[in-house]
Amino acid sequence: MNSAVSSKDVEARIFEILISFGTEPDSAVREATFDQLDIDSLDLVELAQIVDEEYGVELTIDDAQQLQNVGDAIDLIVSRIA
């Protein structure tokens, strides 16, 4: 994975993915929970697959259970890229 990927790059990509799942663009913010965005477990699995393919970062079920909001997911992904 290219370490030149910034936190803002990851954030923008995660928001793009969430919007593709049906999230309203104005609702795609770091503070939003996945429940608030109507992101279900199948969406989370798909998100994890995309993150693994694009960034080489594996997100487990345990990881997902620890996430409080979208920002936590972004921060976790960024921390594992570095």
PDB file of N, CA and C in Angstrom:
ATOM      1  N   MET A   1       0.837  -1.187   0.000  1.00  0.00           N
ATOM      2  CA  MET A   1       0.000   0.000   0.000  1.00  0.00           C
ATOM      3  C   MET A   1       0.874   1.240   0.000  1.00  0.00           C
ATOM      4  N   ASN A   2       0.469   2.212  -0.725  1.00  0.00           N
ATOM      5  CA  ASN A   2       1.212   3.459  -0.825  1.00  0.00           C
ATOM      6  C   ASN A   2       1.026   4.274   0.450  1.00  0.00           C
ATOM      7  N   SER A   3       2.108   4.539   1.156  1.00  0.00           N
ATOM      8  CA  SER A   3       2.019   5.284   2.412  1.00  0.00           C
ATOM      9  C   SER A   3       1.729   6.764   2.180  1.00  0.00           C
ATOM     10  N   ALA A   4       1.669   7.179   0.913  1.00  0.00           N
ATOM     11  CA  ALA A   4       1.363   8.573   0.599  1.00  0.00           C
ATOM     12  C   ALA A   4      -0.142   8.870   0.707  1.00  0.00           C
ATOM     13  N   VAL A   5      -0.948   7.843   0.994  1.00  0.00           N
ATOM     14  CA  VAL A   5      -2.386   8.046   1.157  1.00  0.00           C
ATOM     15  C   VAL A   5      -2.606   8.817   2.450  1.00  0.00           C
ATOM     16  N   SER A   6      -3.349   9.921   2.334  1.00  0.00           N
ATOM     17  CA  SER A   6      -3.583  10.755   3.516  1.00  0.00           C
ATOM     18  C   SER A   6      -4.894  10.392   4.191  1.00  0.00           C
ATOM     19  N   SER A   7      -5.041  10.875   5.396  1.00  0.00           N
ATOM     20  CA  SER A   7      -6.283  10.696   6.142  1.00  0.00           C
ATOM     21  C   SER A   7      -7.458  11.277   5.365  1.00  0.00           C
ATOM     22  N   LYS A   8      -7.250  12.414   4.727  1.00  0.00           N
ATOM     23  CA  LYS A   8      -8.311  13.055   3.936  1.00  0.00           C
ATOM     24  C   LYS A   8      -8.688  12.198   2.726  1.00  0.00           C
ATOM     25  N   ASP A   9      -7.700  11.531   2.121  1.00  0.00           N
ATOM     26  CA  ASP A   9      -7.977  10.628   0.996  1.00  0.00           C
ATOM     27  C   ASP A   9      -8.872   9.471   1.443  1.00  0.00           C
ATOM     28  N   VAL A  10      -8.518   8.876   2.575  1.00  0.00           N
ATOM     29  CA  VAL A  10      -9.302   7.754   3.109  1.00  0.00           C
ATOM     30  C   VAL A  10     -10.702   8.234   3.472  1.00  0.00           C
ATOM     31  N   GLU A  11     -10.775   9.386   4.134  1.00  0.00           N
ATOM     32  CA  GLU A  11     -12.070   9.941   4.524  1.00  0.00           C
ATOM     33  C   GLU A  11     -12.964  10.152   3.299  1.00  0.00           C
ATOM     34  N   ALA A  12     -12.421  10.749   2.271  1.00  0.00           N
ATOM     35  CA  ALA A  12     -13.200  11.009   1.053  1.00  0.00           C
ATOM     36  C   ALA A  12     -13.671   9.705   0.422  1.00  0.00           C
ATOM     37  N   ARG A  13     -12.813   8.701   0.396  1.00  0.00           N
ATOM     38  CA  ARG A  13     -13.184   7.412  -0.204  1.00  0.00           C
ATOM     39  C   ARG A  13     -14.258   6.710   0.620  1.00  0.00           C
ATOM     40  N   ILE A  14     -14.130   6.730   1.942  1.00  0.00           N
ATOM     41  CA  ILE A  14     -15.135   6.093   2.796  1.00  0.00           C
ATOM     42  C   ILE A  14     -16.478   6.786   2.619  1.00  0.00           C
ATOM     43  N   PHE A  15     -16.493   8.112   2.581  1.00  0.00           N
ATOM     44  CA  PHE A  15     -17.747   8.834   2.355  1.00  0.00           C
ATOM     45  C   PHE A  15     -18.342   8.459   0.996  1.00  0.00           C
ATOM     46  N   GLU A  16     -17.489   8.347  -0.013  1.00  0.00           N
ATOM     47  CA  GLU A  16     -17.948   7.967  -1.358  1.00  0.00           C
ATOM     48  C   GLU A  16     -18.611   6.581  -1.328  1.00  0.00           C
ATOM     49  N   ILE A  17     -17.995   5.652  -0.615  1.00  0.00           N
ATOM     50  CA  ILE A  17     -18.552   4.301  -0.508  1.00  0.00           C
ATOM     51  C   ILE A  17     -19.893   4.338   0.224  1.00  0.00           C
ATOM     52  N   LEU A  18     -19.957   5.075   1.335  1.00  0.00           N
ATOM     53  CA  LEU A  18     -21.202   5.157   2.097  1.00  0.00           C
ATOM     54  C   LEU A  18     -22.320   5.744   1.242  1.00  0.00           C
ATOM     55  N   ILE A  19     -22.005   6.756   0.465  1.00  0.00           N
ATOM     56  CA  ILE A  19     -23.000   7.373  -0.409  1.00  0.00           C
ATOM     57  C   ILE A  19     -23.462   6.357  -1.459  1.00  0.00           C
ATOM     58  N   SER A  20     -22.557   5.527  -1.947  1.00  0.00           N
ATOM     59  CA  SER A  20     -22.940   4.500  -2.926  1.00  0.00           C
ATOM     60  C   SER A  20     -23.877   3.465  -2.296  1.00  0.00           C
ATOM     61  N   PHE A  21     -23.824   3.324  -0.974  1.00  0.00           N
ATOM     62  CA  PHE A  21     -24.718   2.413  -0.250  1.00  0.00           C
ATOM     63  C   PHE A  21     -26.082   3.048   0.017  1.00  0.00           C
ATOM     64  N   GLY A  22     -26.232   4.338  -0.315  1.00  0.00           N
ATOM     65  CA  GLY A  22     -27.518   5.000  -0.135  1.00  0.00           C
ATOM     66  C   GLY A  22     -27.544   6.099   0.905  1.00  0.00           C
ATOM     67  N   THR A  23     -26.404   6.368   1.530  1.00  0.00           N
ATOM     68  CA  THR A  23     -26.324   7.457   2.500  1.00  0.00           C
ATOM     69  C   THR A  23     -26.462   8.795   1.777  1.00  0.00           C
ATOM     70  N   GLU A  24     -27.233   9.695   2.356  1.00  0.00           N
ATOM     71  CA  GLU A  24     -27.350  11.044   1.808  1.00  0.00           C
ATOM     72  C   GLU A  24     -26.000  11.746   1.954  1.00  0.00           C
ATOM     73  N   PRO A  25     -25.552  12.442   0.927  1.00  0.00           N
ATOM     74  CA  PRO A  25     -24.240  13.103   1.001  1.00  0.00           C
ATOM     75  C   PRO A  25     -24.071  14.009   2.223  1.00  0.00           C
ATOM     76  N   ASP A  26     -25.112  14.735   2.605  1.00  0.00           N
ATOM     77  CA  ASP A  26     -25.000  15.623   3.767  1.00  0.00           C
ATOM     78  C   ASP A  26     -24.875  14.863   5.080  1.00  0.00           C
ATOM     79  N   SER A  27     -25.263  13.582   5.070  1.00  0.00           N
ATOM     80  CA  SER A  27     -25.210  12.766   6.287  1.00  0.00           C
ATOM     81  C   SER A  27     -23.864  12.059   6.458  1.00  0.00           C
ATOM     82  N   ALA A  28     -23.065  12.032   5.412  1.00  0.00           N
ATOM     83  CA  ALA A  28     -21.773  11.352   5.455  1.00  0.00           C
ATOM     84  C   ALA A  28     -20.764  12.254   6.161  1.00  0.00           C
ATOM     85  N   VAL A  29     -20.733  12.118   7.489  1.00  0.00           N
ATOM     86  CA  VAL A  29     -19.824  12.895   8.331  1.00  0.00           C
ATOM     87  C   VAL A  29     -19.140  11.956   9.316  1.00  0.00           C
ATOM     88  N   ARG A  30     -18.015  12.365   9.819  1.00  0.00           N
ATOM     89  CA  ARG A  30     -17.235  11.533  10.745  1.00  0.00           C
ATOM     90  C   ARG A  30     -18.011  11.163  12.005  1.00  0.00           C
ATOM     91  N   GLU A  31     -18.889  12.050  12.462  1.00  0.00           N
ATOM     92  CA  GLU A  31     -19.592  11.833  13.721  1.00  0.00           C
ATOM     93  C   GLU A  31     -20.766  10.871  13.607  1.00  0.00           C
ATOM     94  N   ALA A  32     -21.192  10.561  12.384  1.00  0.00           N
ATOM     95  CA  ALA A  32     -22.359   9.700  12.175  1.00  0.00           C
ATOM     96  C   ALA A  32     -22.038   8.257  12.533  1.00  0.00           C
ATOM     97  N   THR A  33     -23.018   7.583  13.145  1.00  0.00           N
ATOM     98  CA  THR A  33     -22.867   6.153  13.384  1.00  0.00           C
ATOM     99  C   THR A  33     -23.365   5.412  12.155  1.00  0.00           C
ATOM    100  N   PHE A  34     -22.957   4.170  12.027  1.00  0.00           N
ATOM    101  CA  PHE A  34     -23.419   3.379  10.893  1.00  0.00           C
ATOM    102  C   PHE A  34     -24.926   3.140  10.991  1.00  0.00           C
ATOM    103  N   ASP A  35     -25.436   2.995  12.214  1.00  0.00           N
ATOM    104  CA  ASP A  35     -26.888   2.853  12.398  1.00  0.00           C
ATOM    105  C   ASP A  35     -27.624   4.088  11.897  1.00  0.00           C
ATOM    106  N   GLN A  36     -27.117   5.252  12.224  1.00  0.00           N
ATOM    107  CA  GLN A  36     -27.759   6.500  11.782  1.00  0.00           C
ATOM    108  C   GLN A  36     -27.801   6.589  10.262  1.00  0.00           C
ATOM    109  N   LEU A  37     -26.817   5.987   9.612  1.00  0.00           N
ATOM    110  CA  LEU A  37     -26.731   6.036   8.148  1.00  0.00           C
ATOM    111  C   LEU A  37     -27.444   4.854   7.494  1.00  0.00           C
ATOM    112  N   ASP A  38     -28.098   4.018   8.302  1.00  0.00           N
ATOM    113  CA  ASP A  38     -28.777   2.810   7.803  1.00  0.00           C
ATOM    114  C   ASP A  38     -27.815   1.876   7.073  1.00  0.00           C
ATOM    115  N   ILE A  39     -26.604   1.777   7.598  1.00  0.00           N
ATOM    116  CA  ILE A  39     -25.610   0.853   7.055  1.00  0.00           C
ATOM    117  C   ILE A  39     -25.738  -0.441   7.851  1.00  0.00           C
ATOM    118  N   ASP A  40     -26.123  -1.513   7.161  1.00  0.00           N
ATOM    119  CA  ASP A  40     -26.331  -2.781   7.860  1.00  0.00           C
ATOM    120  C   ASP A  40     -25.075  -3.650   7.812  1.00  0.00           C
ATOM    121  N   SER A  41     -25.177  -4.841   8.392  1.00  0.00           N
ATOM    122  CA  SER A  41     -24.005  -5.711   8.490  1.00  0.00           C
ATOM    123  C   SER A  41     -23.484  -6.143   7.118  1.00  0.00           C
ATOM    124  N   LEU A  42     -24.380  -6.327   6.156  1.00  0.00           N
ATOM    125  CA  LEU A  42     -23.915  -6.690   4.812  1.00  0.00           C
ATOM    126  C   LEU A  42     -23.155  -5.539   4.157  1.00  0.00           C
ATOM    127  N   ASP A  43     -23.623  -4.314   4.391  1.00  0.00           N
ATOM    128  CA  ASP A  43     -22.895  -3.146   3.888  1.00  0.00           C
ATOM    129  C   ASP A  43     -21.513  -3.064   4.533  1.00  0.00           C
ATOM    130  N   LEU A  44     -21.443  -3.365   5.826  1.00  0.00           N
ATOM    131  CA  LEU A  44     -20.149  -3.313   6.523  1.00  0.00           C
ATOM    132  C   LEU A  44     -19.187  -4.357   5.978  1.00  0.00           C
ATOM    133  N   VAL A  45     -19.710  -5.523   5.645  1.00  0.00           N
ATOM    134  CA  VAL A  45     -18.863  -6.557   5.046  1.00  0.00           C
ATOM    135  C   VAL A  45     -18.341  -6.077   3.694  1.00  0.00           C
ATOM    136  N   GLU A  46     -19.214  -5.480   2.907  1.00  0.00           N
ATOM    137  CA  GLU A  46     -18.783  -4.961   1.603  1.00  0.00           C
ATOM    138  C   GLU A  46     -17.758  -3.836   1.772  1.00  0.00           C
ATOM    139  N   LEU A  47     -18.000  -2.963   2.740  1.00  0.00           N
ATOM    140  CA  LEU A  47     -17.052  -1.887   3.027  1.00  0.00           C
ATOM    141  C   LEU A  47     -15.688  -2.476   3.404  1.00  0.00           C
ATOM    142  N   ALA A  48     -15.691  -3.497   4.258  1.00  0.00           N
ATOM    143  CA  ALA A  48     -14.438  -4.133   4.670  1.00  0.00           C
ATOM    144  C   ALA A  48     -13.707  -4.739   3.479  1.00  0.00           C
ATOM    145  N   GLN A  49     -14.446  -5.338   2.538  1.00  0.00           N
ATOM    146  CA  GLN A  49     -13.829  -5.907   1.348  1.00  0.00           C
ATOM    147  C   GLN A  49     -13.190  -4.826   0.484  1.00  0.00           C
ATOM    148  N   ILE A  50     -13.881  -3.717   0.333  1.00  0.00           N
ATOM    149  CA  ILE A  50     -13.344  -2.610  -0.471  1.00  0.00           C
ATOM    150  C   ILE A  50     -12.078  -2.055   0.175  1.00  0.00           C
ATOM    151  N   VAL A  51     -12.120  -1.879   1.486  1.00  0.00           N
ATOM    152  CA  VAL A  51     -10.962  -1.352   2.215  1.00  0.00           C
ATOM    153  C   VAL A  51      -9.774  -2.304   2.064  1.00  0.00           C
ATOM    154  N   ASP A  52     -10.032  -3.595   2.152  1.00  0.00           N
ATOM    155  CA  ASP A  52      -8.958  -4.576   1.992  1.00  0.00           C
ATOM    156  C   ASP A  52      -8.375  -4.514   0.584  1.00  0.00           C
ATOM    157  N   GLU A  53      -9.249  -4.442  -0.428  1.00  0.00           N
ATOM    158  CA  GLU A  53      -8.780  -4.398  -1.817  1.00  0.00           C
ATOM    159  C   GLU A  53      -8.011  -3.123  -2.137  1.00  0.00           C
ATOM    160  N   GLU A  54      -8.513  -1.992  -1.643  1.00  0.00           N
ATOM    161  CA  GLU A  54      -7.914  -0.709  -2.025  1.00  0.00           C
ATOM    162  C   GLU A  54      -6.738  -0.284  -1.152  1.00  0.00           C
ATOM    163  N   TYR A  55      -6.773  -0.670   0.122  1.00  0.00           N
ATOM    164  CA  TYR A  55      -5.735  -0.197   1.043  1.00  0.00           C
ATOM    165  C   TYR A  55      -4.913  -1.326   1.666  1.00  0.00           C
ATOM    166  N   GLY A  56      -5.322  -2.570   1.436  1.00  0.00           N
ATOM    167  CA  GLY A  56      -4.608  -3.686   2.045  1.00  0.00           C
ATOM    168  C   GLY A  56      -4.800  -3.755   3.546  1.00  0.00           C
ATOM    169  N   VAL A  57      -5.924  -3.228   4.021  1.00  0.00           N
ATOM    170  CA  VAL A  57      -6.224  -3.200   5.449  1.00  0.00           C
ATOM    171  C   VAL A  57      -7.393  -4.138   5.716  1.00  0.00           C
ATOM    172  N   GLU A  58      -7.156  -5.125   6.581  1.00  0.00           N
ATOM    173  CA  GLU A  58      -8.213  -6.068   6.926  1.00  0.00           C
ATOM    174  C   GLU A  58      -8.968  -5.563   8.147  1.00  0.00           C
ATOM    175  N   LEU A  59     -10.288  -5.475   8.008  1.00  0.00           N
ATOM    176  CA  LEU A  59     -11.155  -5.110   9.130  1.00  0.00           C
ATOM    177  C   LEU A  59     -11.930  -6.354   9.535  1.00  0.00           C
ATOM    178  N   THR A  60     -11.840  -6.704  10.815  1.00  0.00           N
ATOM    179  CA  THR A  60     -12.507  -7.902  11.314  1.00  0.00           C
ATOM    180  C   THR A  60     -13.847  -7.544  11.950  1.00  0.00           C
ATOM    181  N   ILE A  61     -14.607  -8.562  12.287  1.00  0.00           N
ATOM    182  CA  ILE A  61     -15.873  -8.348  12.997  1.00  0.00           C
ATOM    183  C   ILE A  61     -15.599  -7.675  14.334  1.00  0.00           C
ATOM    184  N   ASP A  62     -14.538  -8.100  15.002  1.00  0.00           N
ATOM    185  CA  ASP A  62     -14.176  -7.470  16.279  1.00  0.00           C
ATOM    186  C   ASP A  62     -13.887  -5.989  16.093  1.00  0.00           C
ATOM    187  N   ASP A  63     -13.196  -5.647  15.006  1.00  0.00           N
ATOM    188  CA  ASP A  63     -12.924  -4.240  14.709  1.00  0.00           C
ATOM    189  C   ASP A  63     -14.242  -3.485  14.551  1.00  0.00           C
ATOM    190  N   ALA A  64     -15.140  -4.047  13.762  1.00  0.00           N
ATOM    191  CA  ALA A  64     -16.413  -3.375  13.488  1.00  0.00           C
ATOM    192  C   ALA A  64     -17.206  -3.142  14.767  1.00  0.00           C
ATOM    193  N   GLN A  65     -17.157  -4.083  15.688  1.00  0.00           N
ATOM    194  CA  GLN A  65     -17.897  -3.937  16.942  1.00  0.00           C
ATOM    195  C   GLN A  65     -17.321  -2.837  17.829  1.00  0.00           C
ATOM    196  N   GLN A  66     -16.060  -2.496  17.630  1.00  0.00           N
ATOM    197  CA  GLN A  66     -15.406  -1.463  18.428  1.00  0.00           C
ATOM    198  C   GLN A  66     -15.658  -0.053  17.901  1.00  0.00           C
ATOM    199  N   LEU A  67     -16.099   0.044  16.659  1.00  0.00           N
ATOM    200  CA  LEU A  67     -16.265   1.351  16.027  1.00  0.00           C
ATOM    201  C   LEU A  67     -17.511   2.049  16.538  1.00  0.00           C
ATOM    202  N   GLN A  68     -17.340   3.274  17.005  1.00  0.00           N
ATOM    203  CA  GLN A  68     -18.462   4.059  17.482  1.00  0.00           C
ATOM    204  C   GLN A  68     -19.105   4.880  16.366  1.00  0.00           C
ATOM    205  N   ASN A  69     -18.284   5.291  15.394  1.00  0.00           N
ATOM    206  CA  ASN A  69     -18.802   6.137  14.312  1.00  0.00           C
ATOM    207  C   ASN A  69     -17.897   6.017  13.081  1.00  0.00           C
ATOM    208  N   VAL A  70     -18.275   6.716  12.041  1.00  0.00           N
ATOM    209  CA  VAL A  70     -17.520   6.673  10.784  1.00  0.00           C
ATOM    210  C   VAL A  70     -16.091   7.166  10.987  1.00  0.00           C
ATOM    211  N   GLY A  71     -15.917   8.185  11.801  1.00  0.00           N
ATOM    212  CA  GLY A  71     -14.580   8.712  12.069  1.00  0.00           C
ATOM    213  C   GLY A  71     -13.666   7.670  12.685  1.00  0.00           C
ATOM    214  N   ASP A  72     -14.217   6.836  13.577  1.00  0.00           N
ATOM    215  CA  ASP A  72     -13.416   5.759  14.168  1.00  0.00           C
ATOM    216  C   ASP A  72     -12.927   4.796  13.093  1.00  0.00           C
ATOM    217  N   ALA A  73     -13.807   4.484  12.134  1.00  0.00           N
ATOM    218  CA  ALA A  73     -13.435   3.578  11.044  1.00  0.00           C
ATOM    219  C   ALA A  73     -12.317   4.191  10.204  1.00  0.00           C
ATOM    220  N   ILE A  74     -12.471   5.469   9.878  1.00  0.00           N
ATOM    221  CA  ILE A  74     -11.450   6.160   9.080  1.00  0.00           C
ATOM    222  C   ILE A  74     -10.116   6.161   9.810  1.00  0.00           C
ATOM    223  N   ASP A  75     -10.143   6.498  11.101  1.00  0.00           N
ATOM    224  CA  ASP A  75      -8.905   6.548  11.886  1.00  0.00           C
ATOM    225  C   ASP A  75      -8.244   5.172  11.979  1.00  0.00           C
ATOM    226  N   LEU A  76      -9.052   4.116  12.141  1.00  0.00           N
ATOM    227  CA  LEU A  76      -8.509   2.763  12.215  1.00  0.00           C
ATOM    228  C   LEU A  76      -7.834   2.382  10.902  1.00  0.00           C
ATOM    229  N   ILE A  77      -8.493   2.666   9.796  1.00  0.00           N
ATOM    230  CA  ILE A  77      -7.926   2.354   8.481  1.00  0.00           C
ATOM    231  C   ILE A  77      -6.610   3.100   8.276  1.00  0.00           C
ATOM    232  N   VAL A  78      -6.609   4.386   8.572  1.00  0.00           N
ATOM    233  CA  VAL A  78      -5.386   5.198   8.406  1.00  0.00           C
ATOM    234  C   VAL A  78      -4.265   4.663   9.279  1.00  0.00           C
ATOM    235  N   SER A  79      -4.572   4.281  10.517  1.00  0.00           N
ATOM    236  CA  SER A  79      -3.532   3.782  11.427  1.00  0.00           C
ATOM    237  C   SER A  79      -2.922   2.472  10.915  1.00  0.00           C
ATOM    238  N   ARG A  80      -3.700   1.688  10.206  1.00  0.00           N
ATOM    239  CA  ARG A  80      -3.201   0.415   9.695  1.00  0.00           C
ATOM    240  C   ARG A  80      -2.495   0.537   8.355  1.00  0.00           C
ATOM    241  N   ILE A  81      -2.719   1.634   7.658  1.00  0.00           N
ATOM    242  CA  ILE A  81      -1.998   1.877   6.409  1.00  0.00           C
ATOM    243  C   ILE A  81      -0.559   2.252   6.713  1.00  0.00           C
ATOM    244  N   ALA A  82      -0.379   3.049   7.731  1.00  0.00           N
ATOM    245  CA  ALA A  82       0.940   3.602   8.069  1.00  0.00           C
ATOM    246  C   ALA A  82       1.950   2.572   8.474  1.00  0.00           C
TER     247      ALA A  82
END
